[in-house]
PDB file of all heavy atoms in Angstrom:
ATOM      1  N   LYS A   1      20.492  56.802 138.923  1.00  0.00           N
ATOM      2  CA  LYS A   1      19.488  55.791 138.420  1.00  0.00           C
ATOM      3  C   LYS A   1      18.239  56.477 137.852  1.00  0.00           C
ATOM      4  O   LYS A   1      17.590  55.986 137.130  1.00  0.00           O
ATOM      5  CB  LYS A   1      19.037  54.927 139.659  1.00  0.00           C
ATOM      6  CG  LYS A   1      20.095  54.146 140.167  1.00  0.00           C
ATOM      7  CD  LYS A   1      19.671  53.277 141.370  1.00  0.00           C
ATOM      8  CE  LYS A   1      20.712  52.437 141.964  1.00  0.00           C
ATOM      9  NZ  LYS A   1      20.278  51.670 143.162  1.00  0.00           N
ATOM     10  N   ASN A   2      17.992  57.759 138.409  1.00  0.00           N
ATOM     11  CA  ASN A   2      16.732  58.493 137.975  1.00  0.00           C
ATOM     12  C   ASN A   2      17.055  59.898 138.088  1.00  0.00           C
ATOM     13  O   ASN A   2      17.506  60.533 139.173  1.00  0.00           O
ATOM     14  CB  ASN A   2      15.630  58.115 138.893  1.00  0.00           C
ATOM     15  CG  ASN A   2      14.371  58.964 138.535  1.00  0.00           C
ATOM     16  OD1 ASN A   2      14.255  59.822 137.686  1.00  0.00           O
ATOM     17  ND2 ASN A   2      13.268  58.528 139.332  1.00  0.00           N
ATOM     18  N   GLU A   3      16.978  60.724 136.972  1.00  0.00           N
ATOM     19  CA  GLU A   3      17.402  62.103 136.875  1.00  0.00           C
ATOM     20  C   GLU A   3      16.253  63.115 137.233  1.00  0.00           C
ATOM     21  O   GLU A   3      16.446  64.169 137.141  1.00  0.00           O
ATOM     22  CB  GLU A   3      17.809  62.371 135.565  1.00  0.00           C
ATOM     23  CG  GLU A   3      19.199  61.791 135.192  1.00  0.00           C
ATOM     24  CD  GLU A   3      19.860  62.396 133.911  1.00  0.00           C
ATOM     25  OE1 GLU A   3      19.574  63.514 133.517  1.00  0.00           O
ATOM     26  OE2 GLU A   3      20.659  61.688 133.261  1.00  0.00           O
ATOM     27  N   GLU A   4      15.154  62.523 137.782  1.00  0.00           N
ATOM     28  CA  GLU A   4      14.118  63.447 138.214  1.00  0.00           C
ATOM     29  C   GLU A   4      14.668  64.358 139.326  1.00  0.00           C
ATOM     30  O   GLU A   4      15.216  63.971 140.331  1.00  0.00           O
ATOM     31  CB  GLU A   4      12.972  62.648 138.794  1.00  0.00           C
ATOM     32  CG  GLU A   4      11.813  63.397 139.351  1.00  0.00           C
ATOM     33  CD  GLU A   4      10.738  62.642 140.021  1.00  0.00           C
ATOM     34  OE1 GLU A   4      10.854  61.377 140.013  1.00  0.00           O
ATOM     35  OE2 GLU A   4       9.833  63.164 140.516  1.00  0.00           O
ATOM     36  N   ARG A   5      14.488  65.586 139.036  1.00  0.00           N
ATOM     37  CA  ARG A   5      14.796  66.751 139.974  1.00  0.00           C
ATOM     38  C   ARG A   5      16.314  66.785 140.262  1.00  0.00           C
ATOM     39  O   ARG A   5      16.786  67.280 141.295  1.00  0.00           O
ATOM     40  CB  ARG A   5      14.018  66.742 141.312  1.00  0.00           C
ATOM     41  CG  ARG A   5      12.583  67.280 141.098  1.00  0.00           C
ATOM     42  CD  ARG A   5      11.819  67.335 142.395  1.00  0.00           C
ATOM     43  NE  ARG A   5      11.276  66.102 142.742  1.00  0.00           N
ATOM     44  CZ  ARG A   5      11.585  65.495 143.917  1.00  0.00           C
ATOM     45  NH1 ARG A   5      12.500  66.041 144.707  1.00  0.00           N
ATOM     46  NH2 ARG A   5      11.081  64.336 144.169  1.00  0.00           N
ATOM     47  N   LEU A   6      17.028  66.113 139.407  1.00  0.00           N
ATOM     48  CA  LEU A   6      18.570  66.320 139.455  1.00  0.00           C
ATOM     49  C   LEU A   6      19.129  66.969 138.226  1.00  0.00           C
ATOM     50  O   LEU A   6      18.750  66.636 137.067  1.00  0.00           O
ATOM     51  CB  LEU A   6      19.211  64.789 139.531  1.00  0.00           C
ATOM     52  CG  LEU A   6      18.805  63.884 140.549  1.00  0.00           C
ATOM     53  CD1 LEU A   6      19.576  62.624 140.503  1.00  0.00           C
ATOM     54  CD2 LEU A   6      19.016  64.476 141.924  1.00  0.00           C
ATOM     55  N   THR A   7      19.952  67.900 138.496  1.00  0.00           N
ATOM     56  CA  THR A   7      20.538  68.652 137.419  1.00  0.00           C
ATOM     57  C   THR A   7      22.116  68.314 137.493  1.00  0.00           C
ATOM     58  O   THR A   7      22.722  68.615 138.559  1.00  0.00           O
ATOM     59  CB  THR A   7      20.471  70.090 137.406  1.00  0.00           C
ATOM     60  OG1 THR A   7      18.954  70.417 137.439  1.00  0.00           O
ATOM     61  CG2 THR A   7      21.036  70.868 136.384  1.00  0.00           C
ATOM     62  N   LEU A   8      22.686  67.775 136.496  1.00  0.00           N
ATOM     63  CA  LEU A   8      24.063  67.373 136.461  1.00  0.00           C
ATOM     64  C   LEU A   8      24.882  68.621 135.829  1.00  0.00           C
ATOM     65  O   LEU A   8      24.604  69.006 134.635  1.00  0.00           O
ATOM     66  CB  LEU A   8      24.318  66.134 135.798  1.00  0.00           C
ATOM     67  CG  LEU A   8      23.491  64.970 136.316  1.00  0.00           C
ATOM     68  CD1 LEU A   8      23.834  63.690 135.524  1.00  0.00           C
ATOM     69  CD2 LEU A   8      23.597  64.801 137.687  1.00  0.00           C
ATOM     70  N   VAL A   9      26.019  69.087 136.475  1.00  0.00           N
ATOM     71  CA  VAL A   9      26.803  70.132 135.926  1.00  0.00           C
ATOM     72  C   VAL A   9      28.218  69.781 135.862  1.00  0.00           C
ATOM     73  O   VAL A   9      28.719  69.361 136.961  1.00  0.00           O
ATOM     74  CB  VAL A   9      26.600  71.517 136.896  1.00  0.00           C
ATOM     75  CG1 VAL A   9      27.410  72.639 136.185  1.00  0.00           C
ATOM     76  CG2 VAL A   9      25.181  71.793 136.973  1.00  0.00           C
ATOM     77  N   GLN A  10      28.897  69.931 134.728  1.00  0.00           N
ATOM     78  CA  GLN A  10      30.280  69.449 134.533  1.00  0.00           C
ATOM     79  C   GLN A  10      31.185  70.306 135.467  1.00  0.00           C
ATOM     80  O   GLN A  10      31.017  71.565 135.369  1.00  0.00           O
ATOM     81  CB  GLN A  10      30.613  69.512 133.144  1.00  0.00           C
ATOM     82  CG  GLN A  10      32.056  69.292 132.890  1.00  0.00           C
ATOM     83  CD  GLN A  10      32.645  67.921 133.145  1.00  0.00           C
ATOM     84  OE1 GLN A  10      31.763  67.025 133.282  1.00  0.00           O
ATOM     85  NE2 GLN A  10      33.924  67.855 133.396  1.00  0.00           N
ATOM     86  N   ALA A  11      32.008  69.686 136.184  1.00  0.00           N
ATOM     87  CA  ALA A  11      33.141  70.465 136.884  1.00  0.00           C
ATOM     88  C   ALA A  11      34.387  69.692 136.521  1.00  0.00           C
ATOM     89  O   ALA A  11      34.642  68.535 136.779  1.00  0.00           O
ATOM     90  CB  ALA A  11      32.906  70.407 138.365  1.00  0.00           C
ATOM     91  N   ASP A  12      35.349  70.427 135.906  1.00  0.00           N
ATOM     92  CA  ASP A  12      36.556  69.771 135.361  1.00  0.00           C
ATOM     93  C   ASP A  12      37.634  69.454 136.411  1.00  0.00           C
ATOM     94  O   ASP A  12      38.338  68.541 136.227  1.00  0.00           O
ATOM     95  CB  ASP A  12      37.247  70.730 134.358  1.00  0.00           C
ATOM     96  CG  ASP A  12      36.321  70.912 133.244  1.00  0.00           C
ATOM     97  OD1 ASP A  12      35.542  70.144 132.791  1.00  0.00           O
ATOM     98  OD2 ASP A  12      36.485  72.019 132.654  1.00  0.00           O
ATOM     99  N   GLU A  13      37.467  70.123 137.661  1.00  0.00           N
ATOM    100  CA  GLU A  13      38.598  69.999 138.613  1.00  0.00           C
ATOM    101  C   GLU A  13      37.863  69.343 139.935  1.00  0.00           C
ATOM    102  O   GLU A  13      36.715  69.499 140.196  1.00  0.00           O
ATOM    103  CB  GLU A  13      39.255  71.239 139.018  1.00  0.00           C
ATOM    104  CG  GLU A  13      39.908  71.858 137.839  1.00  0.00           C
ATOM    105  CD  GLU A  13      40.607  73.269 138.016  1.00  0.00           C
ATOM    106  OE1 GLU A  13      39.717  74.111 138.348  1.00  0.00           O
ATOM    107  OE2 GLU A  13      41.785  73.361 138.026  1.00  0.00           O
ATOM    108  N   VAL A  14      38.816  68.732 140.802  1.00  0.00           N
ATOM    109  CA  VAL A  14      38.340  68.261 142.131  1.00  0.00           C
ATOM    110  C   VAL A  14      39.369  68.842 143.192  1.00  0.00           C
ATOM    111  O   VAL A  14      40.456  68.777 143.012  1.00  0.00           O
ATOM    112  CB  VAL A  14      38.351  66.720 142.081  1.00  0.00           C
ATOM    113  CG1 VAL A  14      38.063  66.234 143.530  1.00  0.00           C
ATOM    114  CG2 VAL A  14      37.367  66.190 141.068  1.00  0.00           C
ATOM    115  N   ILE A  15      38.840  69.258 144.315  1.00  0.00           N
ATOM    116  CA  ILE A  15      39.605  69.608 145.429  1.00  0.00           C
ATOM    117  C   ILE A  15      39.726  68.361 146.257  1.00  0.00           C
ATOM    118  O   ILE A  15      38.731  67.760 146.766  1.00  0.00           O
ATOM    119  CB  ILE A  15      38.982  70.778 146.225  1.00  0.00           C
ATOM    120  CG1 ILE A  15      38.948  72.043 145.391  1.00  0.00           C
ATOM    121  CG2 ILE A  15      39.692  70.904 147.623  1.00  0.00           C
ATOM    122  CD1 ILE A  15      38.267  73.253 146.102  1.00  0.00           C
ATOM    123  N   ALA A  16      41.019  67.855 146.361  1.00  0.00           N
ATOM    124  CA  ALA A  16      41.305  66.685 147.212  1.00  0.00           C
ATOM    125  C   ALA A  16      41.303  66.930 148.674  1.00  0.00           C
ATOM    126  O   ALA A  16      41.439  68.089 149.063  1.00  0.00           O
ATOM    127  CB  ALA A  16      42.675  66.052 146.676  1.00  0.00           C
ATOM    128  N   MET A  17      41.207  65.885 149.458  1.00  0.00           N
ATOM    129  CA  MET A  17      41.282  65.999 150.883  1.00  0.00           C
ATOM    130  C   MET A  17      42.547  66.692 151.383  1.00  0.00           C
ATOM    131  O   MET A  17      42.531  67.364 152.376  1.00  0.00           O
ATOM    132  CB  MET A  17      41.068  64.621 151.554  1.00  0.00           C
ATOM    133  CG  MET A  17      39.687  64.133 151.341  1.00  0.00           C
ATOM    134  SD  MET A  17      38.453  65.047 152.270  1.00  0.00           S
ATOM    135  CE  MET A  17      37.102  63.821 152.415  1.00  0.00           C
ATOM    136  N   ALA A  18      43.639  66.455 150.678  1.00  0.00           N
ATOM    137  CA  ALA A  18      45.006  66.910 151.118  1.00  0.00           C
ATOM    138  C   ALA A  18      45.295  68.272 150.653  1.00  0.00           C
ATOM    139  O   ALA A  18      46.304  68.950 151.040  1.00  0.00           O
ATOM    140  CB  ALA A  18      46.073  65.907 150.685  1.00  0.00           C
ATOM    141  N   ASP A  19      44.450  68.852 149.754  1.00  0.00           N
ATOM    142  CA  ASP A  19      44.619  70.162 149.189  1.00  0.00           C
ATOM    143  C   ASP A  19      44.584  71.253 150.289  1.00  0.00           C
ATOM    144  O   ASP A  19      43.848  71.191 151.208  1.00  0.00           O
ATOM    145  CB  ASP A  19      43.695  70.522 148.110  1.00  0.00           C
ATOM    146  CG  ASP A  19      43.971  69.810 146.785  1.00  0.00           C
ATOM    147  OD1 ASP A  19      45.007  69.128 146.756  1.00  0.00           O
ATOM    148  OD2 ASP A  19      43.184  69.785 145.847  1.00  0.00           O
ATOM    149  N   GLU A  20      45.461  72.335 150.065  1.00  0.00           N
ATOM    150  CA  GLU A  20      45.412  73.410 151.037  1.00  0.00           C
ATOM    151  C   GLU A  20      44.189  74.189 150.785  1.00  0.00           C
ATOM    152  O   GLU A  20      43.907  74.580 149.616  1.00  0.00           O
ATOM    153  CB  GLU A  20      46.665  74.354 150.832  1.00  0.00           C
ATOM    154  CG  GLU A  20      46.972  75.212 152.004  1.00  0.00           C
ATOM    155  CD  GLU A  20      46.093  76.446 152.072  1.00  0.00           C
ATOM    156  OE1 GLU A  20      45.706  76.969 150.933  1.00  0.00           O
ATOM    157  OE2 GLU A  20      45.664  76.802 153.215  1.00  0.00           O
ATOM    158  N   PRO A  21      43.324  74.434 151.890  1.00  0.00           N
ATOM    159  CA  PRO A  21      41.926  74.963 151.707  1.00  0.00           C
ATOM    160  C   PRO A  21      41.887  76.189 150.863  1.00  0.00           C
ATOM    161  O   PRO A  21      41.131  76.373 149.796  1.00  0.00           O
ATOM    162  CB  PRO A  21      41.485  75.149 153.007  1.00  0.00           C
ATOM    163  CG  PRO A  21      42.161  74.088 153.852  1.00  0.00           C
ATOM    164  CD  PRO A  21      43.490  74.069 153.263  1.00  0.00           C
ATOM    165  N   VAL A  22      42.449  77.356 151.392  1.00  0.00           N
ATOM    166  CA  VAL A  22      42.318  78.659 150.775  1.00  0.00           C
ATOM    167  C   VAL A  22      42.806  78.696 149.326  1.00  0.00           C
ATOM    168  O   VAL A  22      42.200  79.159 148.365  1.00  0.00           O
ATOM    169  CB  VAL A  22      42.777  79.679 151.586  1.00  0.00           C
ATOM    170  CG1 VAL A  22      42.714  81.067 150.875  1.00  0.00           C
ATOM    171  CG2 VAL A  22      42.125  79.798 152.989  1.00  0.00           C
ATOM    172  N   LYS A  23      44.066  78.093 149.218  1.00  0.00           N
ATOM    173  CA  LYS A  23      44.734  78.121 147.895  1.00  0.00           C
ATOM    174  C   LYS A  23      43.931  77.250 146.877  1.00  0.00           C
ATOM    175  O   LYS A  23      43.725  77.742 145.744  1.00  0.00           O
ATOM    176  CB  LYS A  23      46.090  77.490 147.970  1.00  0.00           C
ATOM    177  CG  LYS A  23      47.181  78.387 148.664  1.00  0.00           C
ATOM    178  CD  LYS A  23      48.495  77.690 148.613  1.00  0.00           C
ATOM    179  CE  LYS A  23      49.578  78.674 149.313  1.00  0.00           C
ATOM    180  NZ  LYS A  23      50.897  77.928 149.385  1.00  0.00           N
ATOM    181  N   SER A  24      43.281  76.221 147.323  1.00  0.00           N
ATOM    182  CA  SER A  24      42.603  75.345 146.401  1.00  0.00           C
ATOM    183  C   SER A  24      41.306  76.032 145.885  1.00  0.00           C
ATOM    184  O   SER A  24      40.991  75.921 144.670  1.00  0.00           O
ATOM    185  CB  SER A  24      42.227  74.039 147.115  1.00  0.00           C
ATOM    186  OG  SER A  24      41.421  74.279 148.180  1.00  0.00           O
ATOM    187  N   ILE A  25      40.574  76.868 146.687  1.00  0.00           N
ATOM    188  CA  ILE A  25      39.299  77.503 146.174  1.00  0.00           C
ATOM    189  C   ILE A  25      39.702  78.685 145.320  1.00  0.00           C
ATOM    190  O   ILE A  25      38.911  79.044 144.523  1.00  0.00           O
ATOM    191  CB  ILE A  25      38.429  77.912 147.319  1.00  0.00           C
ATOM    192  CG1 ILE A  25      39.063  78.952 148.211  1.00  0.00           C
ATOM    193  CG2 ILE A  25      38.021  76.620 148.232  1.00  0.00           C
ATOM    194  CD1 ILE A  25      37.980  79.643 149.149  1.00  0.00           C
ATOM    195  N   ARG A  26      40.921  79.089 145.482  1.00  0.00           N
ATOM    196  CA  ARG A  26      41.308  80.290 144.599  1.00  0.00           C
ATOM    197  C   ARG A  26      41.856  79.833 143.350  1.00  0.00           C
ATOM    198  O   ARG A  26      41.656  80.515 142.316  1.00  0.00           O
ATOM    199  CB  ARG A  26      42.371  81.103 145.406  1.00  0.00           C
ATOM    200  CG  ARG A  26      41.797  81.904 146.495  1.00  0.00           C
ATOM    201  CD  ARG A  26      42.785  82.690 147.327  1.00  0.00           C
ATOM    202  NE  ARG A  26      42.295  83.661 148.342  1.00  0.00           N
ATOM    203  CZ  ARG A  26      42.989  84.162 149.290  1.00  0.00           C
ATOM    204  NH1 ARG A  26      44.327  83.965 149.281  1.00  0.00           N
ATOM    205  NH2 ARG A  26      42.402  84.909 150.296  1.00  0.00           N
ATOM    206  N   ARG A  27      42.552  78.632 143.278  1.00  0.00           N
ATOM    207  CA  ARG A  27      43.197  78.174 142.115  1.00  0.00           C
ATOM    208  C   ARG A  27      42.308  77.222 141.323  1.00  0.00           C
ATOM    209  O   ARG A  27      42.408  77.282 140.061  1.00  0.00           O
ATOM    210  CB  ARG A  27      44.585  77.460 142.418  1.00  0.00           C
ATOM    211  CG  ARG A  27      45.536  78.402 143.115  1.00  0.00           C
ATOM    212  CD  ARG A  27      46.826  77.732 143.528  1.00  0.00           C
ATOM    213  NE  ARG A  27      47.850  78.624 144.047  1.00  0.00           N
ATOM    214  CZ  ARG A  27      48.945  78.268 144.472  1.00  0.00           C
ATOM    215  NH1 ARG A  27      49.181  76.912 144.546  1.00  0.00           N
ATOM    216  NH2 ARG A  27      49.818  79.031 145.033  1.00  0.00           N
ATOM    217  N   LYS A  28      41.532  76.450 141.877  1.00  0.00           N
ATOM    218  CA  LYS A  28      40.670  75.420 141.296  1.00  0.00           C
ATOM    219  C   LYS A  28      39.313  76.094 141.036  1.00  0.00           C
ATOM    220  O   LYS A  28      38.209  75.586 141.659  1.00  0.00           O
ATOM    221  CB  LYS A  28      40.583  74.170 142.018  1.00  0.00           C
ATOM    222  CG  LYS A  28      42.011  73.464 142.003  1.00  0.00           C
ATOM    223  CD  LYS A  28      41.955  72.152 142.599  1.00  0.00           C
ATOM    224  CE  LYS A  28      43.270  71.389 142.554  1.00  0.00           C
ATOM    225  NZ  LYS A  28      43.192  70.035 143.106  1.00  0.00           N
ATOM    226  N   LYS A  29      39.207  77.066 140.133  1.00  0.00           N
ATOM    227  CA  LYS A  29      37.868  77.695 140.018  1.00  0.00           C
ATOM    228  C   LYS A  29      36.839  76.923 139.347  1.00  0.00           C
ATOM    229  O   LYS A  29      35.656  77.074 139.439  1.00  0.00           O
ATOM    230  CB  LYS A  29      38.064  79.007 139.102  1.00  0.00           C
ATOM    231  CG  LYS A  29      39.045  80.042 139.639  1.00  0.00           C
ATOM    232  CD  LYS A  29      38.497  80.672 140.922  1.00  0.00           C
ATOM    233  CE  LYS A  29      39.364  81.864 141.312  1.00  0.00           C
ATOM    234  NZ  LYS A  29      38.845  82.627 142.609  1.00  0.00           N
ATOM    235  N   GLN A  30      37.197  75.778 138.604  1.00  0.00           N
ATOM    236  CA  GLN A  30      36.304  74.880 138.015  1.00  0.00           C
ATOM    237  C   GLN A  30      36.115  73.567 138.728  1.00  0.00           C
ATOM    238  O   GLN A  30      35.725  72.581 138.175  1.00  0.00           O
ATOM    239  CB  GLN A  30      36.898  74.544 136.563  1.00  0.00           C
ATOM    240  CG  GLN A  30      36.849  75.761 135.631  1.00  0.00           C
ATOM    241  CD  GLN A  30      35.529  76.414 135.542  1.00  0.00           C
ATOM    242  OE1 GLN A  30      34.515  75.757 135.211  1.00  0.00           O
ATOM    243  NE2 GLN A  30      35.367  77.740 135.697  1.00  0.00           N
ATOM    244  N   SER A  31      36.428  73.586 140.039  1.00  0.00           N
ATOM    245  CA  SER A  31      36.284  72.501 140.833  1.00  0.00           C
ATOM    246  C   SER A  31      34.747  72.352 141.219  1.00  0.00           C
ATOM    247  O   SER A  31      34.032  73.372 141.222  1.00  0.00           O
ATOM    248  CB  SER A  31      37.067  72.562 142.112  1.00  0.00           C
ATOM    249  OG  SER A  31      36.682  73.537 142.874  1.00  0.00           O
ATOM    250  N   SER A  32      34.368  71.153 141.591  1.00  0.00           N
ATOM    251  CA  SER A  32      32.933  70.837 141.930  1.00  0.00           C
ATOM    252  C   SER A  32      32.571  71.601 143.201  1.00  0.00           C
ATOM    253  O   SER A  32      31.391  72.080 143.287  1.00  0.00           O
ATOM    254  CB  SER A  32      32.673  69.299 142.183  1.00  0.00           C
ATOM    255  OG  SER A  32      33.719  68.818 143.128  1.00  0.00           O
ATOM    256  N   LEU A  33      33.424  71.886 144.101  1.00  0.00           N
ATOM    257  CA  LEU A  33      33.080  72.630 145.364  1.00  0.00           C
ATOM    258  C   LEU A  33      32.976  73.957 145.037  1.00  0.00           C
ATOM    259  O   LEU A  33      32.035  74.655 145.512  1.00  0.00           O
ATOM    260  CB  LEU A  33      34.211  72.271 146.412  1.00  0.00           C
ATOM    261  CG  LEU A  33      34.122  73.039 147.746  1.00  0.00           C
ATOM    262  CD1 LEU A  33      32.724  72.752 148.340  1.00  0.00           C
ATOM    263  CD2 LEU A  33      35.212  72.707 148.613  1.00  0.00           C
ATOM    264  N   VAL A  34      33.924  74.668 144.348  1.00  0.00           N
ATOM    265  CA  VAL A  34      33.755  76.127 144.071  1.00  0.00           C
ATOM    266  C   VAL A  34      32.583  76.399 143.261  1.00  0.00           C
ATOM    267  O   VAL A  34      31.914  77.417 143.402  1.00  0.00           O
ATOM    268  CB  VAL A  34      35.149  76.486 143.387  1.00  0.00           C
ATOM    269  CG1 VAL A  34      34.973  77.948 142.822  1.00  0.00           C
ATOM    270  CG2 VAL A  34      36.369  76.467 144.334  1.00  0.00           C
ATOM    271  N   LEU A  35      32.321  75.597 142.200  1.00  0.00           N
ATOM    272  CA  LEU A  35      31.083  75.784 141.314  1.00  0.00           C
ATOM    273  C   LEU A  35      29.825  75.684 142.086  1.00  0.00           C
ATOM    274  O   LEU A  35      28.837  76.485 141.880  1.00  0.00           O
ATOM    275  CB  LEU A  35      31.090  74.823 140.117  1.00  0.00           C
ATOM    276  CG  LEU A  35      32.271  75.127 139.136  1.00  0.00           C
ATOM    277  CD1 LEU A  35      32.117  73.989 137.994  1.00  0.00           C
ATOM    278  CD2 LEU A  35      32.162  76.490 138.557  1.00  0.00           C
ATOM    279  N   ALA A  36      29.875  74.782 143.076  1.00  0.00           N
ATOM    280  CA  ALA A  36      28.578  74.654 143.888  1.00  0.00           C
ATOM    281  C   ALA A  36      28.405  75.892 144.831  1.00  0.00           C
ATOM    282  O   ALA A  36      27.278  76.393 144.907  1.00  0.00           O
ATOM    283  CB  ALA A  36      28.732  73.336 144.739  1.00  0.00           C
ATOM    284  N   ALA A  37      29.537  76.257 145.335  1.00  0.00           N
ATOM    285  CA  ALA A  37      29.460  77.552 146.216  1.00  0.00           C
ATOM    286  C   ALA A  37      29.069  78.736 145.375  1.00  0.00           C
ATOM    287  O   ALA A  37      28.338  79.660 145.814  1.00  0.00           O
ATOM    288  CB  ALA A  37      30.800  77.724 146.975  1.00  0.00           C
ATOM    289  N   GLN A  38      29.586  78.805 144.118  1.00  0.00           N
ATOM    290  CA  GLN A  38      29.272  79.944 143.340  1.00  0.00           C
ATOM    291  C   GLN A  38      27.837  79.957 142.922  1.00  0.00           C
ATOM    292  O   GLN A  38      27.291  81.038 142.779  1.00  0.00           O
ATOM    293  CB  GLN A  38      30.209  79.890 142.005  1.00  0.00           C
ATOM    294  CG  GLN A  38      30.195  81.176 141.229  1.00  0.00           C
ATOM    295  CD  GLN A  38      30.937  82.365 142.047  1.00  0.00           C
ATOM    296  OE1 GLN A  38      32.044  82.059 142.622  1.00  0.00           O
ATOM    297  NE2 GLN A  38      30.321  83.503 141.993  1.00  0.00           N
ATOM    298  N   ALA A  39      27.243  78.833 142.804  1.00  0.00           N
ATOM    299  CA  ALA A  39      25.840  78.657 142.419  1.00  0.00           C
ATOM    300  C   ALA A  39      25.013  79.298 143.581  1.00  0.00           C
ATOM    301  O   ALA A  39      24.044  79.892 143.376  1.00  0.00           O
ATOM    302  CB  ALA A  39      25.412  77.225 142.238  1.00  0.00           C
ATOM    303  N   VAL A  40      25.408  79.026 144.855  1.00  0.00           N
ATOM    304  CA  VAL A  40      24.729  79.689 145.900  1.00  0.00           C
ATOM    305  C   VAL A  40      24.817  81.138 145.962  1.00  0.00           C
ATOM    306  O   VAL A  40      23.878  81.928 146.199  1.00  0.00           O
ATOM    307  CB  VAL A  40      25.234  79.091 147.298  1.00  0.00           C
ATOM    308  CG1 VAL A  40      24.558  79.738 148.519  1.00  0.00           C
ATOM    309  CG2 VAL A  40      24.923  77.562 147.356  1.00  0.00           C
ATOM    310  N   LYS A  41      26.094  81.597 145.711  1.00  0.00           N
ATOM    311  CA  LYS A  41      26.278  83.103 145.706  1.00  0.00           C
ATOM    312  C   LYS A  41      25.549  83.755 144.658  1.00  0.00           C
ATOM    313  O   LYS A  41      24.972  84.837 144.772  1.00  0.00           O
ATOM    314  CB  LYS A  41      27.810  83.286 145.449  1.00  0.00           C
ATOM    315  CG  LYS A  41      28.207  84.825 145.485  1.00  0.00           C
ATOM    316  CD  LYS A  41      29.606  85.041 145.133  1.00  0.00           C
ATOM    317  CE  LYS A  41      29.948  86.555 145.109  1.00  0.00           C
ATOM    318  NZ  LYS A  41      31.431  86.746 144.813  1.00  0.00           N
ATOM    319  N   ASN A  42      25.425  83.047 143.445  1.00  0.00           N
ATOM    320  CA  ASN A  42      24.667  83.742 142.342  1.00  0.00           C
ATOM    321  C   ASN A  42      23.155  83.565 142.452  1.00  0.00           C
ATOM    322  O   ASN A  42      22.410  84.035 141.560  1.00  0.00           O
ATOM    323  CB  ASN A  42      25.100  83.020 140.970  1.00  0.00           C
ATOM    324  CG  ASN A  42      26.604  83.372 140.684  1.00  0.00           C
ATOM    325  OD1 ASN A  42      27.111  84.178 141.280  1.00  0.00           O
ATOM    326  ND2 ASN A  42      27.167  82.503 139.879  1.00  0.00           N
ATOM    327  N   GLY A  43      22.654  82.806 143.467  1.00  0.00           N
ATOM    328  CA  GLY A  43      21.232  82.691 143.720  1.00  0.00           C
ATOM    329  C   GLY A  43      20.641  81.482 142.874  1.00  0.00           C
ATOM    330  O   GLY A  43      19.390  81.412 142.843  1.00  0.00           O
TER     331      GLY A  43
END
């Protein structure tokens, strides 16, 4: 509704609830979860 202090970043993939955890973060590099974690790692 309002983009104030919101930055939207495209993520092409999604890690589903049923996905195997470790495999999913290794294989789905462009997922919303992995990209968010990478943003933290990169500062």
